[in-house]
Amino acid sequence: MFHMMNEARIGVGLGAVMLGYAGYEVSRDYARQRNQGRPITGAGKDAAQPPVPILQHADVRRMLLAQKSYVEGGLALELYCARLVDELHTGEPQAAREAGVLLEVLTPIAKSWPSEWGLEANSLAIQVLGGYGYTRDFMVEQYWRDNRLNMIHEGTHGIQALDLLGRKVVMDGGAGLKLLARRIGETIQRAGQLEGLAVPANELAAALQRLGTATKAAWATGVPEEALANATPYLQAFGHVVLAWLWLDVALAVSRPGPAAGAFGQGKLAAMRYFFAYELPKIDAWLGVVSRREALVRGLPDEAF
């Protein structure tokens, strides 16, 4: 039953990705054809000029690039986990064992991360469309409502977080976390040899180290209530480190000569840079409460709510 549940959780994550992706495509296409506003120059706006597509406005580009980083990164995560499922059933004994270990630690991320950030992509799609996004003239509001369920069924965020920090990263002496760290380290080493990817490679290495330090700090006292009170921020930080790794791996792929060059590759590299610039720094706040075993939520009396 648990094998079935684990693969179902990957399926939930994939569904969340695709709902986010559908919203991204609608909002991207809308931004290309919706004319409003004029560019701001040193001389101000020229009212005599025709309005431009909202895609040319920096904040709209930010929202579209955020969506792209969430949904395409989430898709990379789900495809990687699906490959691990294949290796688990068809690989050579050593590869199958490693696939099983990685799936143990990655399944909570495969379910929870796309459910949260695919939903955020849908929220941004609504924002790009403005008032239209809140009406049934476009599908983005339906995508958001459908995607909201994915944070709940097949295990809520809180359950996935308890599973990750309470079981998966400590089982078998931390074998899953160690193997994942080794895989991430291999990507970091390859990316560090490329001039354009050395900086994000170093940033990912530092993030991975902070994640490991926070994991040890959470369990420093050996008291489960202290470690697990902030399991959800830990899950969020863990997911962002995994997604940064996958984006760096994608960047390595499109940096090689071949058909991925041009606008396609440029878009992938931009999404990777967005994730490292805007998303990966968020882990410090999440890991902060984990490392100090913040007691606020578990120490507050019931009557205070």
C-alpha atoms as a PDB file:
ATOM      1  CA  MET A   1       0.000   0.000   0.000  1.00  0.00           C
ATOM      2  CA  PHE A   2       2.791   2.432   0.833  1.00  0.00           C
ATOM      3  CA  HIS A   3       4.501   1.812  -2.527  1.00  0.00           C
ATOM      4  CA  MET A   4       1.190   2.695  -4.161  1.00  0.00           C
ATOM      5  CA  MET A   5       0.819   5.793  -1.979  1.00  0.00           C
ATOM      6  CA  ASN A   6       4.343   6.987  -2.759  1.00  0.00           C
ATOM      7  CA  GLU A   7       3.814   6.743  -6.499  1.00  0.00           C
ATOM      8  CA  ALA A   8       0.412   8.417  -6.110  1.00  0.00           C
ATOM      9  CA  ARG A   9       2.157  11.299  -4.358  1.00  0.00           C
ATOM     10  CA  ILE A  10       4.438  11.728  -7.355  1.00  0.00           C
ATOM     11  CA  GLY A  11       1.323  11.739  -9.501  1.00  0.00           C
ATOM     12  CA  VAL A  12      -0.257  14.455  -7.351  1.00  0.00           C
ATOM     13  CA  GLY A  13       2.882  16.550  -7.733  1.00  0.00           C
ATOM     14  CA  LEU A  14       2.808  16.089 -11.488  1.00  0.00           C
ATOM     15  CA  GLY A  15      -0.851  17.134 -11.620  1.00  0.00           C
ATOM     16  CA  ALA A  16      -0.024  20.263  -9.616  1.00  0.00           C
ATOM     17  CA  VAL A  17       2.812  21.060 -12.022  1.00  0.00           C
ATOM     18  CA  MET A  18       0.607  20.768 -15.065  1.00  0.00           C
ATOM     19  CA  LEU A  19      -2.149  22.953 -13.618  1.00  0.00           C
ATOM     20  CA  GLY A  20       0.523  25.537 -12.866  1.00  0.00           C
ATOM     21  CA  TYR A  21       1.932  25.123 -16.364  1.00  0.00           C
ATOM     22  CA  ALA A  22      -1.484  25.611 -17.962  1.00  0.00           C
ATOM     23  CA  GLY A  23      -1.942  28.872 -16.072  1.00  0.00           C
ATOM     24  CA  TYR A  24       1.539  30.019 -17.039  1.00  0.00           C
ATOM     25  CA  GLU A  25       0.833  29.491 -20.733  1.00  0.00           C
ATOM     26  CA  VAL A  26      -2.476  31.384 -20.545  1.00  0.00           C
ATOM     27  CA  SER A  27      -0.926  34.354 -18.736  1.00  0.00           C
ATOM     28  CA  ARG A  28       2.117  34.405 -21.022  1.00  0.00           C
ATOM     29  CA  ASP A  29      -0.053  34.471 -24.137  1.00  0.00           C
ATOM     30  CA  TYR A  30      -2.307  37.121 -22.603  1.00  0.00           C
ATOM     31  CA  ALA A  31       0.705  39.298 -21.752  1.00  0.00           C
ATOM     32  CA  ARG A  32       1.854  39.129 -25.365  1.00  0.00           C
ATOM     33  CA  GLN A  33      -1.406  40.507 -26.780  1.00  0.00           C
ATOM     34  CA  ARG A  34      -2.748  42.795 -24.006  1.00  0.00           C
ATOM     35  CA  ASN A  35      -1.643  46.364 -24.721  1.00  0.00           C
ATOM     36  CA  GLN A  36      -1.510  48.730 -21.777  1.00  0.00           C
ATOM     37  CA  GLY A  37       0.881  51.405 -20.550  1.00  0.00           C
ATOM     38  CA  ARG A  38       3.957  52.922 -22.107  1.00  0.00           C
ATOM     39  CA  PRO A  39       7.654  52.447 -21.353  1.00  0.00           C
ATOM     40  CA  ILE A  40       9.170  54.677 -18.683  1.00  0.00           C
ATOM     41  CA  THR A  41      12.217  56.515 -19.974  1.00  0.00           C
ATOM     42  CA  GLY A  42      14.490  59.194 -18.562  1.00  0.00           C
ATOM     43  CA  ALA A  43      12.095  61.774 -19.989  1.00  0.00           C
ATOM     44  CA  GLY A  44       9.042  60.048 -18.509  1.00  0.00           C
ATOM     45  CA  LYS A  45       6.185  58.526 -20.486  1.00  0.00           C
ATOM     46  CA  ASP A  46       5.340  59.762 -23.967  1.00  0.00           C
ATOM     47  CA  ALA A  47       1.538  59.819 -24.146  1.00  0.00           C
ATOM     48  CA  ALA A  48       1.727  60.194 -27.921  1.00  0.00           C
ATOM     49  CA  GLN A  49       3.196  56.712 -28.256  1.00  0.00           C
ATOM     50  CA  PRO A  50       0.856  53.710 -28.540  1.00  0.00           C
ATOM     51  CA  PRO A  51       0.527  51.409 -25.525  1.00  0.00           C
ATOM     52  CA  VAL A  52       2.788  48.357 -25.491  1.00  0.00           C
ATOM     53  CA  PRO A  53       2.052  44.703 -24.662  1.00  0.00           C
ATOM     54  CA  ILE A  54       2.197  44.242 -20.898  1.00  0.00           C
ATOM     55  CA  LEU A  55       4.894  41.601 -21.487  1.00  0.00           C
ATOM     56  CA  GLN A  56       7.277  44.539 -21.916  1.00  0.00           C
ATOM     57  CA  HIS A  57       6.729  45.718 -18.332  1.00  0.00           C
ATOM     58  CA  ALA A  58       9.356  44.523 -15.854  1.00  0.00           C
ATOM     59  CA  ASP A  59       6.946  43.404 -13.129  1.00  0.00           C
ATOM     60  CA  VAL A  60       4.917  41.312 -15.557  1.00  0.00           C
ATOM     61  CA  ARG A  61       8.152  39.704 -16.733  1.00  0.00           C
ATOM     62  CA  ARG A  62       9.017  38.994 -13.109  1.00  0.00           C
ATOM     63  CA  MET A  63       5.701  37.204 -12.571  1.00  0.00           C
ATOM     64  CA  LEU A  64       6.054  35.193 -15.767  1.00  0.00           C
ATOM     65  CA  LEU A  65       9.627  34.223 -14.983  1.00  0.00           C
ATOM     66  CA  ALA A  66       8.593  33.163 -11.481  1.00  0.00           C
ATOM     67  CA  GLN A  67       5.891  30.932 -12.957  1.00  0.00           C
ATOM     68  CA  LYS A  68       8.358  29.476 -15.442  1.00  0.00           C
ATOM     69  CA  SER A  69      10.850  28.679 -12.690  1.00  0.00           C
ATOM     70  CA  TYR A  70       8.166  26.980 -10.585  1.00  0.00           C
ATOM     71  CA  VAL A  71       6.462  24.891 -13.245  1.00  0.00           C
ATOM     72  CA  GLU A  72       9.446  23.879 -15.354  1.00  0.00           C
ATOM     73  CA  GLY A  73      11.511  23.212 -12.248  1.00  0.00           C
ATOM     74  CA  GLY A  74       8.636  21.213 -10.788  1.00  0.00           C
ATOM     75  CA  LEU A  75       8.361  19.219 -13.996  1.00  0.00           C
ATOM     76  CA  ALA A  76      12.076  18.390 -13.807  1.00  0.00           C
ATOM     77  CA  LEU A  77      11.522  17.153 -10.234  1.00  0.00           C
ATOM     78  CA  GLU A  78       8.621  14.887 -11.179  1.00  0.00           C
ATOM     79  CA  LEU A  79      10.410  13.460 -14.210  1.00  0.00           C
ATOM     80  CA  TYR A  80      13.487  12.750 -12.080  1.00  0.00           C
ATOM     81  CA  CYS A  81      11.365  10.919  -9.515  1.00  0.00           C
ATOM     82  CA  ALA A  82       9.572   8.985 -12.266  1.00  0.00           C
ATOM     83  CA  ARG A  83      12.968   7.900 -13.582  1.00  0.00           C
ATOM     84  CA  LEU A  84      13.896   6.719 -10.096  1.00  0.00           C
ATOM     85  CA  VAL A  85      10.705   4.624  -9.996  1.00  0.00           C
ATOM     86  CA  ASP A  86      11.757   3.010 -13.289  1.00  0.00           C
ATOM     87  CA  GLU A  87      15.260   2.340 -11.953  1.00  0.00           C
ATOM     88  CA  LEU A  88      13.784   0.875  -8.786  1.00  0.00           C
ATOM     89  CA  HIS A  89      11.945  -1.746 -10.837  1.00  0.00           C
ATOM     90  CA  THR A  90      14.285  -2.308 -13.787  1.00  0.00           C
ATOM     91  CA  GLY A  91      17.782  -1.135 -12.812  1.00  0.00           C
ATOM     92  CA  GLU A  92      20.827  -3.134 -11.839  1.00  0.00           C
ATOM     93  CA  PRO A  93      20.858  -4.074  -8.130  1.00  0.00           C
ATOM     94  CA  GLN A  94      23.057  -1.154  -7.010  1.00  0.00           C
ATOM     95  CA  ALA A  95      21.151   1.386  -9.118  1.00  0.00           C
ATOM     96  CA  ALA A  96      17.830  -0.008  -7.883  1.00  0.00           C
ATOM     97  CA  ARG A  97      18.933   0.256  -4.256  1.00  0.00           C
ATOM     98  CA  GLU A  98      20.061   3.856  -4.692  1.00  0.00           C
ATOM     99  CA  ALA A  99      16.835   4.724  -6.522  1.00  0.00           C
ATOM    100  CA  GLY A 100      14.846   3.345  -3.596  1.00  0.00           C
ATOM    101  CA  VAL A 101      16.855   5.354  -1.074  1.00  0.00           C
ATOM    102  CA  LEU A 102      16.484   8.566  -3.083  1.00  0.00           C
ATOM    103  CA  LEU A 103      12.767   8.028  -3.551  1.00  0.00           C
ATOM    104  CA  GLU A 104      12.321   7.706   0.203  1.00  0.00           C
ATOM    105  CA  VAL A 105      13.748  11.157   0.817  1.00  0.00           C
ATOM    106  CA  LEU A 106      12.412  12.872  -2.331  1.00  0.00           C
ATOM    107  CA  THR A 107       8.794  11.679  -2.331  1.00  0.00           C
ATOM    108  CA  PRO A 108       7.649  14.204   0.320  1.00  0.00           C
ATOM    109  CA  ILE A 109       9.214  16.943  -1.838  1.00  0.00           C
ATOM    110  CA  ALA A 110       7.733  15.560  -5.066  1.00  0.00           C
ATOM    111  CA  LYS A 111       4.274  15.795  -3.543  1.00  0.00           C
ATOM    112  CA  SER A 112       4.486  18.994  -1.522  1.00  0.00           C
ATOM    113  CA  TRP A 113       6.737  21.371  -3.463  1.00  0.00           C
ATOM    114  CA  PRO A 114       4.753  21.463  -6.740  1.00  0.00           C
ATOM    115  CA  SER A 115       1.515  21.599  -4.759  1.00  0.00           C
ATOM    116  CA  GLU A 116       2.622  24.801  -3.058  1.00  0.00           C
ATOM    117  CA  TRP A 117       4.514  26.523  -5.850  1.00  0.00           C
ATOM    118  CA  GLY A 118       2.305  25.338  -8.708  1.00  0.00           C
ATOM    119  CA  LEU A 119      -0.505  27.029  -6.790  1.00  0.00           C
ATOM    120  CA  GLU A 120       1.606  30.159  -6.480  1.00  0.00           C
ATOM    121  CA  ALA A 121       2.148  30.034 -10.243  1.00  0.00           C
ATOM    122  CA  ASN A 122      -1.624  29.957 -10.703  1.00  0.00           C
ATOM    123  CA  SER A 123      -1.998  32.921  -8.353  1.00  0.00           C
ATOM    124  CA  LEU A 124       0.551  34.872 -10.388  1.00  0.00           C
ATOM    125  CA  ALA A 125      -1.259  33.938 -13.603  1.00  0.00           C
ATOM    126  CA  ILE A 126      -4.412  35.510 -12.183  1.00  0.00           C
ATOM    127  CA  GLN A 127      -2.400  38.588 -11.265  1.00  0.00           C
ATOM    128  CA  VAL A 128      -0.984  38.944 -14.786  1.00  0.00           C
ATOM    129  CA  LEU A 129      -4.504  38.963 -16.212  1.00  0.00           C
ATOM    130  CA  GLY A 130      -5.675  41.502 -13.642  1.00  0.00           C
ATOM    131  CA  GLY A 131      -9.444  41.690 -13.220  1.00  0.00           C
ATOM    132  CA  TYR A 132      -9.951  39.274 -16.111  1.00  0.00           C
ATOM    133  CA  GLY A 133      -8.029  36.666 -14.151  1.00  0.00           C
ATOM    134  CA  TYR A 134     -10.739  36.653 -11.504  1.00  0.00           C
ATOM    135  CA  THR A 135     -13.528  35.954 -13.995  1.00  0.00           C
ATOM    136  CA  ARG A 136     -14.593  32.852 -15.845  1.00  0.00           C
ATOM    137  CA  ASP A 137     -13.744  34.435 -19.176  1.00  0.00           C
ATOM    138  CA  PHE A 138     -10.327  32.809 -18.711  1.00  0.00           C
ATOM    139  CA  MET A 139      -9.410  29.467 -17.138  1.00  0.00           C
ATOM    140  CA  VAL A 140      -6.783  30.719 -14.707  1.00  0.00           C
ATOM    141  CA  GLU A 141      -9.212  31.048 -11.791  1.00  0.00           C
ATOM    142  CA  GLN A 142     -10.384  27.467 -12.375  1.00  0.00           C
ATOM    143  CA  TYR A 143      -6.786  26.230 -12.425  1.00  0.00           C
ATOM    144  CA  TRP A 144      -6.144  27.902  -9.076  1.00  0.00           C
ATOM    145  CA  ARG A 145      -9.252  26.355  -7.485  1.00  0.00           C
ATOM    146  CA  ASP A 146      -8.395  22.910  -8.827  1.00  0.00           C
ATOM    147  CA  ASN A 147      -4.766  23.169  -7.727  1.00  0.00           C
ATOM    148  CA  ARG A 148      -5.633  24.200  -4.175  1.00  0.00           C
ATOM    149  CA  LEU A 149      -6.692  20.615  -3.418  1.00  0.00           C
ATOM    150  CA  ASN A 150      -3.236  19.245  -4.185  1.00  0.00           C
ATOM    151  CA  MET A 151      -1.783  20.709  -0.976  1.00  0.00           C
ATOM    152  CA  ILE A 152      -4.293  18.613   0.976  1.00  0.00           C
ATOM    153  CA  HIS A 153      -4.917  15.147  -0.447  1.00  0.00           C
ATOM    154  CA  GLU A 154      -2.394  12.266  -0.392  1.00  0.00           C
ATOM    155  CA  GLY A 155      -0.914  13.841   2.747  1.00  0.00           C
ATOM    156  CA  THR A 156      -0.999  17.508   3.721  1.00  0.00           C
ATOM    157  CA  HIS A 157       2.107  19.669   3.913  1.00  0.00           C
ATOM    158  CA  GLY A 158       2.301  19.064   7.646  1.00  0.00           C
ATOM    159  CA  ILE A 159       2.255  15.295   7.192  1.00  0.00           C
ATOM    160  CA  GLN A 160       4.870  15.384   4.438  1.00  0.00           C
ATOM    161  CA  ALA A 161       7.048  17.605   6.627  1.00  0.00           C
ATOM    162  CA  LEU A 162       6.831  15.236   9.604  1.00  0.00           C
ATOM    163  CA  ASP A 163       7.649  12.332   7.305  1.00  0.00           C
ATOM    164  CA  LEU A 164      10.680  14.129   5.865  1.00  0.00           C
ATOM    165  CA  LEU A 165      12.280  15.499   9.032  1.00  0.00           C
ATOM    166  CA  GLY A 166      10.965  12.857  11.415  1.00  0.00           C
ATOM    167  CA  ARG A 167      11.740   9.773   9.336  1.00  0.00           C
ATOM    168  CA  LYS A 168      13.293  10.152   5.915  1.00  0.00           C
ATOM    169  CA  VAL A 169      16.391  12.246   6.645  1.00  0.00           C
ATOM    170  CA  VAL A 170      17.326  10.280   9.775  1.00  0.00           C
ATOM    171  CA  MET A 171      16.503   6.707   8.760  1.00  0.00           C
ATOM    172  CA  ASP A 172      19.425   4.313   8.289  1.00  0.00           C
ATOM    173  CA  GLY A 173      21.819   6.838   9.753  1.00  0.00           C
ATOM    174  CA  GLY A 174      20.814   9.523   7.276  1.00  0.00           C
ATOM    175  CA  ALA A 175      21.591   7.348   4.239  1.00  0.00           C
ATOM    176  CA  GLY A 176      19.033   9.097   2.023  1.00  0.00           C
ATOM    177  CA  LEU A 177      20.243  12.582   2.829  1.00  0.00           C
ATOM    178  CA  LYS A 178      23.875  11.551   2.332  1.00  0.00           C
ATOM    179  CA  LEU A 179      23.140   9.989  -1.059  1.00  0.00           C
ATOM    180  CA  LEU A 180      21.147  13.025  -2.175  1.00  0.00           C
ATOM    181  CA  ALA A 181      23.952  15.326  -1.021  1.00  0.00           C
ATOM    182  CA  ARG A 182      26.415  13.265  -3.052  1.00  0.00           C
ATOM    183  CA  ARG A 183      24.274  13.556  -6.181  1.00  0.00           C
ATOM    184  CA  ILE A 184      23.921  17.301  -5.658  1.00  0.00           C
ATOM    185  CA  GLY A 185      27.670  17.568  -5.075  1.00  0.00           C
ATOM    186  CA  GLU A 186      28.378  15.879  -8.403  1.00  0.00           C
ATOM    187  CA  THR A 187      26.248  18.477 -10.200  1.00  0.00           C
ATOM    188  CA  ILE A 188      27.950  21.282  -8.288  1.00  0.00           C
ATOM    189  CA  GLN A 189      31.366  19.962  -9.306  1.00  0.00           C
ATOM    190  CA  ARG A 190      30.433  19.816 -13.000  1.00  0.00           C
ATOM    191  CA  ALA A 191      28.788  23.247 -12.960  1.00  0.00           C
ATOM    192  CA  GLY A 192      31.707  24.786 -11.107  1.00  0.00           C
ATOM    193  CA  GLN A 193      33.925  24.143 -14.100  1.00  0.00           C
ATOM    194  CA  LEU A 194      31.810  26.386 -16.344  1.00  0.00           C
ATOM    195  CA  GLU A 195      32.354  30.112 -16.111  1.00  0.00           C
ATOM    196  CA  GLY A 196      28.669  30.998 -16.384  1.00  0.00           C
ATOM    197  CA  LEU A 197      27.560  28.467 -13.774  1.00  0.00           C
ATOM    198  CA  ALA A 198      30.329  28.641 -11.186  1.00  0.00           C
ATOM    199  CA  VAL A 199      28.556  31.292  -9.093  1.00  0.00           C
ATOM    200  CA  PRO A 200      25.228  29.439  -8.755  1.00  0.00           C
ATOM    201  CA  ALA A 201      27.186  26.225  -8.142  1.00  0.00           C
ATOM    202  CA  ASN A 202      28.898  27.857  -5.165  1.00  0.00           C
ATOM    203  CA  GLU A 203      25.576  29.253  -3.927  1.00  0.00           C
ATOM    204  CA  LEU A 204      24.018  25.803  -4.071  1.00  0.00           C
ATOM    205  CA  ALA A 205      26.982  24.301  -2.219  1.00  0.00           C
ATOM    206  CA  ALA A 206      26.521  26.857   0.562  1.00  0.00           C
ATOM    207  CA  ALA A 207      22.762  26.196   0.684  1.00  0.00           C
ATOM    208  CA  LEU A 208      23.332  22.454   0.919  1.00  0.00           C
ATOM    209  CA  GLN A 209      25.728  22.979   3.800  1.00  0.00           C
ATOM    210  CA  ARG A 210      23.190  25.162   5.627  1.00  0.00           C
ATOM    211  CA  LEU A 211      20.534  22.501   5.132  1.00  0.00           C
ATOM    212  CA  GLY A 212      22.796  19.835   6.621  1.00  0.00           C
ATOM    213  CA  THR A 213      23.679  22.060   9.575  1.00  0.00           C
ATOM    214  CA  ALA A 214      20.010  22.807  10.244  1.00  0.00           C
ATOM    215  CA  THR A 215      19.132  19.117  10.095  1.00  0.00           C
ATOM    216  CA  LYS A 216      21.695  18.349  12.794  1.00  0.00           C
ATOM    217  CA  ALA A 217      20.603  21.342  14.876  1.00  0.00           C
ATOM    218  CA  ALA A 218      16.954  20.290  14.740  1.00  0.00           C
ATOM    219  CA  TRP A 219      17.829  16.941  16.314  1.00  0.00           C
ATOM    220  CA  ALA A 220      20.595  18.241  18.587  1.00  0.00           C
ATOM    221  CA  THR A 221      18.585  17.621  21.762  1.00  0.00           C
ATOM    222  CA  GLY A 222      17.059  14.362  20.560  1.00  0.00           C
ATOM    223  CA  VAL A 223      13.600  15.582  21.604  1.00  0.00           C
ATOM    224  CA  PRO A 224      11.099  14.945  18.771  1.00  0.00           C
ATOM    225  CA  GLU A 225       8.737  17.717  19.880  1.00  0.00           C
ATOM    226  CA  GLU A 226      11.556  20.249  19.582  1.00  0.00           C
ATOM    227  CA  ALA A 227      12.803  18.987  16.229  1.00  0.00           C
ATOM    228  CA  LEU A 228       9.430  18.585  14.551  1.00  0.00           C
ATOM    229  CA  ALA A 229       7.667  21.764  15.660  1.00  0.00           C
ATOM    230  CA  ASN A 230       9.203  23.514  12.639  1.00  0.00           C
ATOM    231  CA  ALA A 231       9.064  20.600  10.228  1.00  0.00           C
ATOM    232  CA  THR A 232       7.111  22.534   7.600  1.00  0.00           C
ATOM    233  CA  PRO A 233       9.695  25.338   7.230  1.00  0.00           C
ATOM    234  CA  TYR A 234      12.270  22.560   6.966  1.00  0.00           C
ATOM    235  CA  LEU A 235      10.250  20.934   4.178  1.00  0.00           C
ATOM    236  CA  GLN A 236      10.064  24.256   2.328  1.00  0.00           C
ATOM    237  CA  ALA A 237      13.803  24.879   2.595  1.00  0.00           C
ATOM    238  CA  PHE A 238      14.619  21.304   1.622  1.00  0.00           C
ATOM    239  CA  GLY A 239      12.393  21.582  -1.439  1.00  0.00           C
ATOM    240  CA  HIS A 240      14.029  24.805  -2.564  1.00  0.00           C
ATOM    241  CA  VAL A 241      17.498  23.267  -2.286  1.00  0.00           C
ATOM    242  CA  VAL A 242      16.362  20.278  -4.366  1.00  0.00           C
ATOM    243  CA  LEU A 243      14.817  22.553  -6.996  1.00  0.00           C
ATOM    244  CA  ALA A 244      17.949  24.707  -7.145  1.00  0.00           C
ATOM    245  CA  TRP A 245      19.916  21.516  -7.794  1.00  0.00           C
ATOM    246  CA  LEU A 246      17.600  20.441 -10.601  1.00  0.00           C
ATOM    247  CA  TRP A 247      17.690  23.903 -12.170  1.00  0.00           C
ATOM    248  CA  LEU A 248      21.486  23.833 -12.103  1.00  0.00           C
ATOM    249  CA  ASP A 249      21.370  20.434 -13.800  1.00  0.00           C
ATOM    250  CA  VAL A 250      19.010  21.813 -16.460  1.00  0.00           C
ATOM    251  CA  ALA A 251      21.377  24.748 -16.972  1.00  0.00           C
ATOM    252  CA  LEU A 252      24.226  22.309 -17.536  1.00  0.00           C
ATOM    253  CA  ALA A 253      22.174  20.512 -20.184  1.00  0.00           C
ATOM    254  CA  VAL A 254      21.257  23.629 -22.151  1.00  0.00           C
ATOM    255  CA  SER A 255      24.792  25.022 -21.889  1.00  0.00           C
ATOM    256  CA  ARG A 256      26.110  22.240 -24.097  1.00  0.00           C
ATOM    257  CA  PRO A 257      26.190  22.860 -27.874  1.00  0.00           C
ATOM    258  CA  GLY A 258      23.122  21.487 -29.598  1.00  0.00           C
ATOM    259  CA  PRO A 259      19.430  22.057 -30.269  1.00  0.00           C
ATOM    260  CA  ALA A 260      18.861  23.613 -26.815  1.00  0.00           C
ATOM    261  CA  ALA A 261      20.696  26.758 -27.863  1.00  0.00           C
ATOM    262  CA  GLY A 262      18.817  29.928 -28.828  1.00  0.00           C
ATOM    263  CA  ALA A 263      15.671  31.278 -27.198  1.00  0.00           C
ATOM    264  CA  PHE A 264      14.758  27.913 -25.649  1.00  0.00           C
ATOM    265  CA  GLY A 265      18.055  27.631 -23.806  1.00  0.00           C
ATOM    266  CA  GLN A 266      18.062  31.333 -22.952  1.00  0.00           C
ATOM    267  CA  GLY A 267      14.678  30.931 -21.268  1.00  0.00           C
ATOM    268  CA  LYS A 268      15.883  27.958 -19.231  1.00  0.00           C
ATOM    269  CA  LEU A 269      18.990  29.810 -18.087  1.00  0.00           C
ATOM    270  CA  ALA A 270      16.921  32.873 -17.162  1.00  0.00           C
ATOM    271  CA  ALA A 271      14.547  30.721 -15.091  1.00  0.00           C
ATOM    272  CA  MET A 272      17.539  29.148 -13.340  1.00  0.00           C
ATOM    273  CA  ARG A 273      19.007  32.575 -12.572  1.00  0.00           C
ATOM    274  CA  TYR A 274      15.623  33.757 -11.298  1.00  0.00           C
ATOM    275  CA  PHE A 275      15.369  30.817  -8.930  1.00  0.00           C
ATOM    276  CA  PHE A 276      18.845  31.400  -7.518  1.00  0.00           C
ATOM    277  CA  ALA A 277      18.361  35.181  -7.226  1.00  0.00           C
ATOM    278  CA  TYR A 278      14.802  35.347  -5.895  1.00  0.00           C
ATOM    279  CA  GLU A 279      13.944  31.946  -4.400  1.00  0.00           C
ATOM    280  CA  LEU A 280      16.991  30.186  -2.966  1.00  0.00           C
ATOM    281  CA  PRO A 281      17.734  33.034  -0.472  1.00  0.00           C
ATOM    282  CA  LYS A 282      14.379  32.270   1.214  1.00  0.00           C
ATOM    283  CA  ILE A 283      15.842  29.168   2.829  1.00  0.00           C
ATOM    284  CA  ASP A 284      17.720  31.228   5.417  1.00  0.00           C
ATOM    285  CA  ALA A 285      14.484  32.351   7.097  1.00  0.00           C
ATOM    286  CA  TRP A 286      13.020  28.852   6.992  1.00  0.00           C
ATOM    287  CA  LEU A 287      16.145  27.179   8.323  1.00  0.00           C
ATOM    288  CA  GLY A 288      16.584  29.826  11.003  1.00  0.00           C
ATOM    289  CA  VAL A 289      13.566  28.642  13.001  1.00  0.00           C
ATOM    290  CA  VAL A 290      14.579  25.018  12.408  1.00  0.00           C
ATOM    291  CA  SER A 291      18.134  25.497  13.660  1.00  0.00           C
ATOM    292  CA  ARG A 292      17.153  27.280  16.857  1.00  0.00           C
ATOM    293  CA  ARG A 293      14.216  24.897  17.422  1.00  0.00           C
ATOM    294  CA  GLU A 294      11.866  27.873  17.691  1.00  0.00           C
ATOM    295  CA  ALA A 295       9.430  27.060  20.509  1.00  0.00           C
ATOM    296  CA  LEU A 296       6.731  29.670  19.840  1.00  0.00           C
ATOM    297  CA  VAL A 297       4.098  27.465  18.230  1.00  0.00           C
ATOM    298  CA  ARG A 298       4.514  24.497  20.561  1.00  0.00           C
ATOM    299  CA  GLY A 299       4.738  26.569  23.726  1.00  0.00           C
ATOM    300  CA  LEU A 300       1.685  28.777  23.227  1.00  0.00           C
ATOM    301  CA  PRO A 301      -1.301  27.862  25.469  1.00  0.00           C
ATOM    302  CA  ASP A 302      -4.546  26.890  23.754  1.00  0.00           C
ATOM    303  CA  GLU A 303      -6.338  29.893  25.231  1.00  0.00           C
ATOM    304  CA  ALA A 304      -4.028  32.290  23.368  1.00  0.00           C
ATOM    305  CA  PHE A 305      -5.501  31.395  19.981  1.00  0.00           C
END
